[in-house]
Amino acid sequence: MAAGRYRRFLKLCEEWPVDETKRGRDLGAYLRQRVAQAFREGENTQVAEPEACDQMYESLARLHSNYYKHKYPRPRDTSFSGLSVEEYKLILSTDTLEEFQDMNKGLWKKLQEKFAPKSPEEKQKAWARVLTRPPT
């Protein structure tokens, strides 16, 4: 029966889209990673809790099929901000979020990052220079 579960999860992973704009934060990529961890031996993997595994699959399948979107339809496709889905996707992309984080940094933090050594070798050289200076 583990082989059937494994195949169902693989099919779900194939159908689940991966959003390249959300590097490191995408649900589709995370799902693939977790399925690979859970079924390390492929079809030969023994599932410790089959009921929990089946329940997880059913929950993910409902999300993928937009079950709740159809069960609870929204009157409009906007939110309190009035932005469209495309505008939200642009704002929530990893690149845009990184830009916002850079904008929110203070001047002192920006200066520290600018002048901080980048590689471990540069850090060692900087510490060596500081430690070998004669006292003033």
C-alpha atoms as a PDB file:
ATOM      1  CA  MET A   1       0.000   0.000   0.000  1.00  0.00           C
ATOM      2  CA  ALA A   2       2.982   2.317   0.525  1.00  0.00           C
ATOM      3  CA  ALA A   3       3.653   2.173  -3.215  1.00  0.00           C
ATOM      4  CA  GLY A   4       0.176   3.564  -3.917  1.00  0.00           C
ATOM      5  CA  ARG A   5       0.672   6.382  -1.436  1.00  0.00           C
ATOM      6  CA  TYR A   6       4.039   7.197  -2.951  1.00  0.00           C
ATOM      7  CA  ARG A   7       2.585   7.332  -6.479  1.00  0.00           C
ATOM      8  CA  ARG A   8      -0.289   9.573  -5.338  1.00  0.00           C
ATOM      9  CA  PHE A   9       2.161  12.006  -3.718  1.00  0.00           C
ATOM     10  CA  LEU A  10       4.377  11.970  -6.829  1.00  0.00           C
ATOM     11  CA  LYS A  11       1.384  12.763  -9.038  1.00  0.00           C
ATOM     12  CA  LEU A  12       0.416  15.614  -6.730  1.00  0.00           C
ATOM     13  CA  CYS A  13       3.990  16.974  -6.827  1.00  0.00           C
ATOM     14  CA  GLU A  14       3.980  16.856 -10.635  1.00  0.00           C
ATOM     15  CA  GLU A  15       0.709  18.781 -10.812  1.00  0.00           C
ATOM     16  CA  TRP A  16       1.609  21.344  -8.134  1.00  0.00           C
ATOM     17  CA  PRO A  17       3.116  24.448  -9.756  1.00  0.00           C
ATOM     18  CA  VAL A  18       6.456  25.902  -8.669  1.00  0.00           C
ATOM     19  CA  ASP A  19       6.604  29.691  -8.487  1.00  0.00           C
ATOM     20  CA  GLU A  20      10.134  30.728  -9.490  1.00  0.00           C
ATOM     21  CA  THR A  21       9.614  34.247  -8.128  1.00  0.00           C
ATOM     22  CA  LYS A  22       9.453  32.867  -4.567  1.00  0.00           C
ATOM     23  CA  ARG A  23      12.889  31.276  -4.304  1.00  0.00           C
ATOM     24  CA  GLY A  24      13.241  29.450  -0.990  1.00  0.00           C
ATOM     25  CA  ARG A  25       9.636  30.188   0.012  1.00  0.00           C
ATOM     26  CA  ASP A  26       7.551  28.320  -2.552  1.00  0.00           C
ATOM     27  CA  LEU A  27       5.020  25.753  -1.345  1.00  0.00           C
ATOM     28  CA  GLY A  28       5.448  23.548  -4.422  1.00  0.00           C
ATOM     29  CA  ALA A  29       9.211  23.278  -3.909  1.00  0.00           C
ATOM     30  CA  TYR A  30       8.736  22.648  -0.186  1.00  0.00           C
ATOM     31  CA  LEU A  31       6.201  19.915  -0.929  1.00  0.00           C
ATOM     32  CA  ARG A  32       8.628  18.172  -3.283  1.00  0.00           C
ATOM     33  CA  GLN A  33      11.366  18.333  -0.667  1.00  0.00           C
ATOM     34  CA  ARG A  34       9.147  16.879   2.074  1.00  0.00           C
ATOM     35  CA  VAL A  35       7.883  14.046  -0.139  1.00  0.00           C
ATOM     36  CA  ALA A  36      11.490  13.162  -1.013  1.00  0.00           C
ATOM     37  CA  GLN A  37      12.344  13.090   2.706  1.00  0.00           C
ATOM     38  CA  ALA A  38       9.283  11.080   3.699  1.00  0.00           C
ATOM     39  CA  PHE A  39       9.660   8.500   0.910  1.00  0.00           C
ATOM     40  CA  ARG A  40      13.444   8.080   0.901  1.00  0.00           C
ATOM     41  CA  GLU A  41      13.200   4.501  -0.335  1.00  0.00           C
ATOM     42  CA  GLY A  42      10.580   5.280  -2.967  1.00  0.00           C
ATOM     43  CA  GLU A  43       7.852   2.680  -3.292  1.00  0.00           C
ATOM     44  CA  ASN A  44       9.560   0.475  -0.689  1.00  0.00           C
ATOM     45  CA  THR A  45       9.175   3.028   2.100  1.00  0.00           C
ATOM     46  CA  GLN A  46       7.212   1.764   5.099  1.00  0.00           C
ATOM     47  CA  VAL A  47       4.762   4.412   6.321  1.00  0.00           C
ATOM     48  CA  ALA A  48       4.627   4.507  10.125  1.00  0.00           C
ATOM     49  CA  GLU A  49       1.251   6.275  10.320  1.00  0.00           C
ATOM     50  CA  PRO A  50      -0.823   5.452   7.218  1.00  0.00           C
ATOM     51  CA  GLU A  51      -3.931   7.304   8.437  1.00  0.00           C
ATOM     52  CA  ALA A  52      -1.967  10.523   9.013  1.00  0.00           C
ATOM     53  CA  CYS A  53      -0.295  10.108   5.618  1.00  0.00           C
ATOM     54  CA  ASP A  54      -3.662   9.687   3.874  1.00  0.00           C
ATOM     55  CA  GLN A  55      -5.095  12.664   5.732  1.00  0.00           C
ATOM     56  CA  MET A  56      -2.117  14.822   4.685  1.00  0.00           C
ATOM     57  CA  TYR A  57      -2.560  13.782   1.075  1.00  0.00           C
ATOM     58  CA  GLU A  58      -6.287  14.571   1.120  1.00  0.00           C
ATOM     59  CA  SER A  59      -5.639  18.004   2.644  1.00  0.00           C
ATOM     60  CA  LEU A  60      -3.006  18.848   0.036  1.00  0.00           C
ATOM     61  CA  ALA A  61      -5.229  17.550  -2.768  1.00  0.00           C
ATOM     62  CA  ARG A  62      -8.069  19.795  -1.592  1.00  0.00           C
ATOM     63  CA  LEU A  63      -5.735  22.803  -1.590  1.00  0.00           C
ATOM     64  CA  HIS A  64      -4.429  21.958  -5.043  1.00  0.00           C
ATOM     65  CA  SER A  65      -7.895  21.514  -6.531  1.00  0.00           C
ATOM     66  CA  ASN A  66      -9.078  24.871  -5.085  1.00  0.00           C
ATOM     67  CA  TYR A  67     -11.781  23.062  -3.130  1.00  0.00           C
ATOM     68  CA  TYR A  68     -12.138  25.887  -0.615  1.00  0.00           C
ATOM     69  CA  LYS A  69     -12.059  28.578  -3.302  1.00  0.00           C
ATOM     70  CA  HIS A  70     -15.079  26.972  -4.928  1.00  0.00           C
ATOM     71  CA  LYS A  71     -16.804  26.131  -1.653  1.00  0.00           C
ATOM     72  CA  TYR A  72     -16.492  29.704  -0.336  1.00  0.00           C
ATOM     73  CA  PRO A  73     -16.510  31.958  -3.414  1.00  0.00           C
ATOM     74  CA  ARG A  74     -15.450  35.564  -3.028  1.00  0.00           C
ATOM     75  CA  PRO A  75     -17.689  38.312  -4.375  1.00  0.00           C
ATOM     76  CA  ARG A  76     -14.693  40.214  -5.803  1.00  0.00           C
ATOM     77  CA  ASP A  77     -11.077  39.368  -6.599  1.00  0.00           C
ATOM     78  CA  THR A  78      -9.668  42.296  -4.649  1.00  0.00           C
ATOM     79  CA  SER A  79      -8.743  42.834  -1.045  1.00  0.00           C
ATOM     80  CA  PHE A  80      -8.905  45.730   1.373  1.00  0.00           C
ATOM     81  CA  SER A  81      -5.950  47.374  -0.422  1.00  0.00           C
ATOM     82  CA  GLY A  82      -7.602  47.189  -3.834  1.00  0.00           C
ATOM     83  CA  LEU A  83      -4.562  45.542  -5.440  1.00  0.00           C
ATOM     84  CA  SER A  84      -4.960  42.862  -8.071  1.00  0.00           C
ATOM     85  CA  VAL A  85      -3.588  39.318  -7.905  1.00  0.00           C
ATOM     86  CA  GLU A  86      -0.787  40.217 -10.344  1.00  0.00           C
ATOM     87  CA  GLU A  87       0.252  43.192  -8.172  1.00  0.00           C
ATOM     88  CA  TYR A  88       0.366  40.952  -5.081  1.00  0.00           C
ATOM     89  CA  LYS A  89       2.512  38.417  -6.938  1.00  0.00           C
ATOM     90  CA  LEU A  90       4.934  41.178  -7.879  1.00  0.00           C
ATOM     91  CA  ILE A  91       5.087  42.531  -4.315  1.00  0.00           C
ATOM     92  CA  LEU A  92       5.537  39.074  -2.757  1.00  0.00           C
ATOM     93  CA  SER A  93       8.331  37.991  -5.103  1.00  0.00           C
ATOM     94  CA  THR A  94      11.642  37.294  -3.395  1.00  0.00           C
ATOM     95  CA  ASP A  95      13.443  40.048  -5.319  1.00  0.00           C
ATOM     96  CA  THR A  96      10.941  42.715  -4.293  1.00  0.00           C
ATOM     97  CA  LEU A  97      10.981  41.618  -0.650  1.00  0.00           C
ATOM     98  CA  GLU A  98      14.792  41.798  -0.631  1.00  0.00           C
ATOM     99  CA  GLU A  99      14.618  45.332  -2.033  1.00  0.00           C
ATOM    100  CA  PHE A 100      12.189  46.329   0.732  1.00  0.00           C
ATOM    101  CA  GLN A 101      14.520  44.870   3.363  1.00  0.00           C
ATOM    102  CA  ASP A 102      17.416  46.889   1.937  1.00  0.00           C
ATOM    103  CA  MET A 103      15.301  50.051   2.007  1.00  0.00           C
ATOM    104  CA  ASN A 104      14.400  49.509   5.673  1.00  0.00           C
ATOM    105  CA  LYS A 105      18.003  49.207   6.842  1.00  0.00           C
ATOM    106  CA  GLY A 106      19.415  52.112   8.714  1.00  0.00           C
ATOM    107  CA  LEU A 107      22.485  54.056   7.649  1.00  0.00           C
ATOM    108  CA  TRP A 108      24.720  52.408  10.261  1.00  0.00           C
ATOM    109  CA  LYS A 109      23.742  48.889   9.135  1.00  0.00           C
ATOM    110  CA  LYS A 110      24.344  49.777   5.470  1.00  0.00           C
ATOM    111  CA  LEU A 111      27.820  51.119   6.315  1.00  0.00           C
ATOM    112  CA  GLN A 112      28.664  48.022   8.342  1.00  0.00           C
ATOM    113  CA  GLU A 113      27.687  45.750   5.469  1.00  0.00           C
ATOM    114  CA  LYS A 114      29.556  47.852   2.932  1.00  0.00           C
ATOM    115  CA  PHE A 115      32.863  47.785   4.795  1.00  0.00           C
ATOM    116  CA  ALA A 116      32.591  44.330   6.363  1.00  0.00           C
ATOM    117  CA  PRO A 117      34.887  41.646   4.913  1.00  0.00           C
ATOM    118  CA  LYS A 118      33.029  39.312   2.594  1.00  0.00           C
ATOM    119  CA  SER A 119      34.970  36.042   2.728  1.00  0.00           C
ATOM    120  CA  PRO A 120      36.309  34.115   5.767  1.00  0.00           C
ATOM    121  CA  GLU A 121      39.881  34.773   4.565  1.00  0.00           C
ATOM    122  CA  GLU A 122      39.262  38.527   4.538  1.00  0.00           C
ATOM    123  CA  LYS A 123      37.805  38.297   8.048  1.00  0.00           C
ATOM    124  CA  GLN A 124      40.918  36.498   9.290  1.00  0.00           C
ATOM    125  CA  LYS A 125      43.199  39.095   7.688  1.00  0.00           C
ATOM    126  CA  ALA A 126      41.186  41.939   9.210  1.00  0.00           C
ATOM    127  CA  TRP A 127      41.373  40.361  12.695  1.00  0.00           C
ATOM    128  CA  ALA A 128      45.104  39.717  12.257  1.00  0.00           C
ATOM    129  CA  ARG A 129      45.661  43.386  11.371  1.00  0.00           C
ATOM    130  CA  VAL A 130      43.708  44.502  14.423  1.00  0.00           C
ATOM    131  CA  LEU A 131      45.513  42.120  16.779  1.00  0.00           C
ATOM    132  CA  THR A 132      49.015  42.916  15.497  1.00  0.00           C
ATOM    133  CA  ARG A 133      48.724  46.697  15.772  1.00  0.00           C
ATOM    134  CA  PRO A 134      51.004  48.209  18.344  1.00  0.00           C
ATOM    135  CA  PRO A 135      49.175  49.789  21.264  1.00  0.00           C
ATOM    136  CA  THR A 136      48.886  53.553  21.072  1.00  0.00           C
END
